[in-house]
Each structure stands twice: as C-alpha cells, then as structure tokens.
Amino acid sequence: MHRQEILDNVRNIILATNSGLFPDDVSEFASMTYDLGMDSFHLESMISRLKDEVADIEFTPWYIKASRRGHDTVGSLVDFIDERMSQVVSARSKVNSDSHASVQNTLDVEAA
C-alpha cells in the first residue's frame, strides 16, 4: 500500500469517527487533538478501525510520540503506518526468500 492510499484511508477513518469534521479539515499537518478536536475516545476508535482496515500493527510507539504537543498530526500517523507496513513487507520477503532457499537446498540434497 502506497503512502497516498494510507493517507486516504486515515482521512476516511477520521471523518467516520468524528462526524463534526469536513474533508478539508483533515490535512496532513492537522493536529488530531488541537486542530481536529479528537479526544481519547475518537483516537481509540480510529486506531481500532486502522488495525482492522489498514494494518494490524502496534500503535503504542506512535501514541507515546504523539502525546507530545504537535506530534499527533495526521501526517505523523500516516508516516508511522507506512514505515511499519514497509517493515512487515521486508520481513515477509526475507522469510519467503529463506524458505525458498531451504526448499531448494532440500531438493538439491534429495537429487544428489
């Protein structure tokens, strides 16, 4: 999933969890708490939906960083998700590569 797709999904989820917002309100630079007025209930609802729809990743590191003023932007969350999803893809590629090499080694041994 590309960053723009993640941004679009995050925007849609924010709009769905906070009906008082308009699409133009949800910019990458908007603070979720200060600019968008999201409280802990909104944030938890958003994170729960993100886990279901975008990625099943652990958001605690983002929460910790976002708890400092100005670090809870839409863009910071998108960057966090993008980074974590890239790590998952890299890890899966390595596992698949290792599995392929293991199977190939087994086939080579059996053929000999």
C-alpha atoms as a PDB file:
ATOM      1  CA  MET A   1       0.000   0.000   0.000  1.00  0.00           C
ATOM      2  CA  HIS A   2       1.389   3.378  -1.001  1.00  0.00           C
ATOM      3  CA  ARG A   3       1.557   6.406   1.289  1.00  0.00           C
ATOM      4  CA  GLN A   4      -1.267   8.211  -0.534  1.00  0.00           C
ATOM      5  CA  GLU A   5      -3.545   5.189  -0.057  1.00  0.00           C
ATOM      6  CA  ILE A   6      -2.704   5.134   3.631  1.00  0.00           C
ATOM      7  CA  LEU A   7      -3.419   8.875   3.878  1.00  0.00           C
ATOM      8  CA  ASP A   8      -6.772   8.441   2.142  1.00  0.00           C
ATOM      9  CA  ASN A   9      -7.714   5.571   4.472  1.00  0.00           C
ATOM     10  CA  VAL A  10      -6.664   7.532   7.568  1.00  0.00           C
ATOM     11  CA  ARG A  11      -8.664  10.565   6.411  1.00  0.00           C
ATOM     12  CA  ASN A  12     -11.753   8.449   5.767  1.00  0.00           C
ATOM     13  CA  ILE A  13     -11.476   6.780   9.156  1.00  0.00           C
ATOM     14  CA  ILE A  14     -11.011  10.123  10.944  1.00  0.00           C
ATOM     15  CA  LEU A  15     -14.073  11.504   9.171  1.00  0.00           C
ATOM     16  CA  ALA A  16     -16.072   8.387  10.049  1.00  0.00           C
ATOM     17  CA  THR A  17     -15.119   8.536  13.727  1.00  0.00           C
ATOM     18  CA  ASN A  18     -15.700  12.282  14.108  1.00  0.00           C
ATOM     19  CA  SER A  19     -18.838  13.381  12.297  1.00  0.00           C
ATOM     20  CA  GLY A  20     -18.256  17.074  13.068  1.00  0.00           C
ATOM     21  CA  LEU A  21     -15.353  17.316  10.645  1.00  0.00           C
ATOM     22  CA  PHE A  22     -15.259  18.178   6.965  1.00  0.00           C
ATOM     23  CA  PRO A  23     -12.840  16.579   4.477  1.00  0.00           C
ATOM     24  CA  ASP A  24     -10.897  19.839   4.093  1.00  0.00           C
ATOM     25  CA  ASP A  25     -10.277  19.886   7.867  1.00  0.00           C
ATOM     26  CA  VAL A  26      -8.213  16.691   7.729  1.00  0.00           C
ATOM     27  CA  SER A  27      -4.895  17.834   6.277  1.00  0.00           C
ATOM     28  CA  GLU A  28      -1.584  16.068   6.829  1.00  0.00           C
ATOM     29  CA  PHE A  29      -0.454  18.893   9.095  1.00  0.00           C
ATOM     30  CA  ALA A  30      -3.569  18.927  11.289  1.00  0.00           C
ATOM     31  CA  SER A  31      -3.078  18.001  14.918  1.00  0.00           C
ATOM     32  CA  MET A  32      -5.656  15.396  15.803  1.00  0.00           C
ATOM     33  CA  THR A  33      -6.239  16.797  19.277  1.00  0.00           C
ATOM     34  CA  TYR A  34      -5.742  20.524  18.784  1.00  0.00           C
ATOM     35  CA  ASP A  35      -6.971  21.114  15.219  1.00  0.00           C
ATOM     36  CA  LEU A  36      -9.472  18.280  14.814  1.00  0.00           C
ATOM     37  CA  GLY A  37     -10.679  18.182  18.425  1.00  0.00           C
ATOM     38  CA  MET A  38     -10.304  14.429  18.786  1.00  0.00           C
ATOM     39  CA  ASP A  39     -10.447  13.101  22.328  1.00  0.00           C
ATOM     40  CA  SER A  40      -9.236   9.739  23.641  1.00  0.00           C
ATOM     41  CA  PHE A  41     -12.469   8.041  22.542  1.00  0.00           C
ATOM     42  CA  HIS A  42     -12.058   9.317  18.961  1.00  0.00           C
ATOM     43  CA  LEU A  43      -8.391   8.319  18.900  1.00  0.00           C
ATOM     44  CA  GLU A  44      -9.104   4.831  20.223  1.00  0.00           C
ATOM     45  CA  SER A  45     -11.942   4.340  17.722  1.00  0.00           C
ATOM     46  CA  MET A  46      -9.692   5.498  14.904  1.00  0.00           C
ATOM     47  CA  ILE A  47      -6.827   3.200  15.944  1.00  0.00           C
ATOM     48  CA  SER A  48      -9.192   0.249  16.277  1.00  0.00           C
ATOM     49  CA  ARG A  49     -10.504   0.792  12.744  1.00  0.00           C
ATOM     50  CA  LEU A  50      -6.986   1.292  11.395  1.00  0.00           C
ATOM     51  CA  LYS A  51      -5.948  -2.052  12.841  1.00  0.00           C
ATOM     52  CA  ASP A  52      -8.913  -3.708  11.139  1.00  0.00           C
ATOM     53  CA  GLU A  53      -8.758  -1.921   7.789  1.00  0.00           C
ATOM     54  CA  VAL A  54      -5.176  -0.878   7.154  1.00  0.00           C
ATOM     55  CA  ALA A  55      -2.752  -2.915   9.214  1.00  0.00           C
ATOM     56  CA  ASP A  56      -2.644  -4.982  12.340  1.00  0.00           C
ATOM     57  CA  ILE A  57       0.292  -3.143  13.900  1.00  0.00           C
ATOM     58  CA  GLU A  58       1.095  -1.951  17.405  1.00  0.00           C
ATOM     59  CA  PHE A  59       0.340   1.771  17.743  1.00  0.00           C
ATOM     60  CA  THR A  60       1.790   2.316  21.244  1.00  0.00           C
ATOM     61  CA  PRO A  61       5.052   3.854  19.935  1.00  0.00           C
ATOM     62  CA  TRP A  62       3.037   6.372  17.919  1.00  0.00           C
ATOM     63  CA  TYR A  63       0.847   7.162  20.957  1.00  0.00           C
ATOM     64  CA  ILE A  64       3.943   7.860  23.056  1.00  0.00           C
ATOM     65  CA  LYS A  65       5.458  10.182  20.478  1.00  0.00           C
ATOM     66  CA  ALA A  66       2.103  11.783  19.654  1.00  0.00           C
ATOM     67  CA  SER A  67       1.443  12.620  23.278  1.00  0.00           C
ATOM     68  CA  ARG A  68       3.897  15.482  22.955  1.00  0.00           C
ATOM     69  CA  ARG A  69       2.276  18.646  21.655  1.00  0.00           C
ATOM     70  CA  GLY A  70       2.360  18.973  17.891  1.00  0.00           C
ATOM     71  CA  HIS A  71       3.366  15.389  17.176  1.00  0.00           C
ATOM     72  CA  ASP A  72      -0.141  13.985  16.793  1.00  0.00           C
ATOM     73  CA  THR A  73      -0.588  15.082  13.213  1.00  0.00           C
ATOM     74  CA  VAL A  74      -2.380  13.114  10.548  1.00  0.00           C
ATOM     75  CA  GLY A  75       0.880  13.000   8.599  1.00  0.00           C
ATOM     76  CA  SER A  76       2.850  11.584  11.539  1.00  0.00           C
ATOM     77  CA  LEU A  77       0.346   8.738  11.832  1.00  0.00           C
ATOM     78  CA  VAL A  78       0.484   8.082   8.083  1.00  0.00           C
ATOM     79  CA  ASP A  79       4.299   8.027   8.190  1.00  0.00           C
ATOM     80  CA  PHE A  80       4.217   5.641  11.160  1.00  0.00           C
ATOM     81  CA  ILE A  81       1.854   3.233   9.385  1.00  0.00           C
ATOM     82  CA  ASP A  82       3.844   3.448   6.148  1.00  0.00           C
ATOM     83  CA  GLU A  83       7.089   2.677   7.997  1.00  0.00           C
ATOM     84  CA  ARG A  84       5.597  -0.252   9.914  1.00  0.00           C
ATOM     85  CA  MET A  85       3.972  -1.732   6.821  1.00  0.00           C
ATOM     86  CA  SER A  86       7.289  -1.490   4.958  1.00  0.00           C
ATOM     87  CA  GLN A  87       8.983  -3.366   7.799  1.00  0.00           C
ATOM     88  CA  VAL A  88       6.331  -6.104   7.630  1.00  0.00           C
ATOM     89  CA  VAL A  89       6.754  -6.440   3.865  1.00  0.00           C
ATOM     90  CA  SER A  90      10.562  -6.623   4.232  1.00  0.00           C
ATOM     91  CA  ALA A  91      10.283  -9.255   6.958  1.00  0.00           C
ATOM     92  CA  ARG A  92       7.869 -11.323   4.861  1.00  0.00           C
ATOM     93  CA  SER A  93      10.165 -11.086   1.840  1.00  0.00           C
ATOM     94  CA  LYS A  94      13.094 -12.316   3.923  1.00  0.00           C
ATOM     95  CA  VAL A  95      11.046 -15.214   5.317  1.00  0.00           C
ATOM     96  CA  ASN A  96       9.886 -16.168   1.816  1.00  0.00           C
ATOM     97  CA  SER A  97      13.440 -15.909   0.488  1.00  0.00           C
ATOM     98  CA  ASP A  98      14.781 -18.033   3.347  1.00  0.00           C
ATOM     99  CA  SER A  99      12.006 -20.601   2.833  1.00  0.00           C
ATOM    100  CA  HIS A 100      12.715 -20.780  -0.892  1.00  0.00           C
ATOM    101  CA  ALA A 101      16.442 -21.311  -0.221  1.00  0.00           C
ATOM    102  CA  SER A 102      15.659 -24.018   2.328  1.00  0.00           C
ATOM    103  CA  VAL A 103      13.366 -25.847  -0.099  1.00  0.00           C
ATOM    104  CA  GLN A 104      15.952 -25.550  -2.870  1.00  0.00           C
ATOM    105  CA  ASN A 105      18.676 -26.953  -0.569  1.00  0.00           C
ATOM    106  CA  THR A 106      16.401 -29.876   0.352  1.00  0.00           C
ATOM    107  CA  LEU A 107      15.702 -30.586  -3.322  1.00  0.00           C
ATOM    108  CA  ASP A 108      19.425 -30.416  -4.132  1.00  0.00           C
ATOM    109  CA  VAL A 109      20.233 -32.902  -1.338  1.00  0.00           C
ATOM    110  CA  GLU A 110      17.465 -35.286  -2.437  1.00  0.00           C
ATOM    111  CA  ALA A 111      18.639 -35.125  -6.060  1.00  0.00           C
ATOM    112  CA  ALA A 112      22.218 -35.980  -5.103  1.00  0.00           C
END
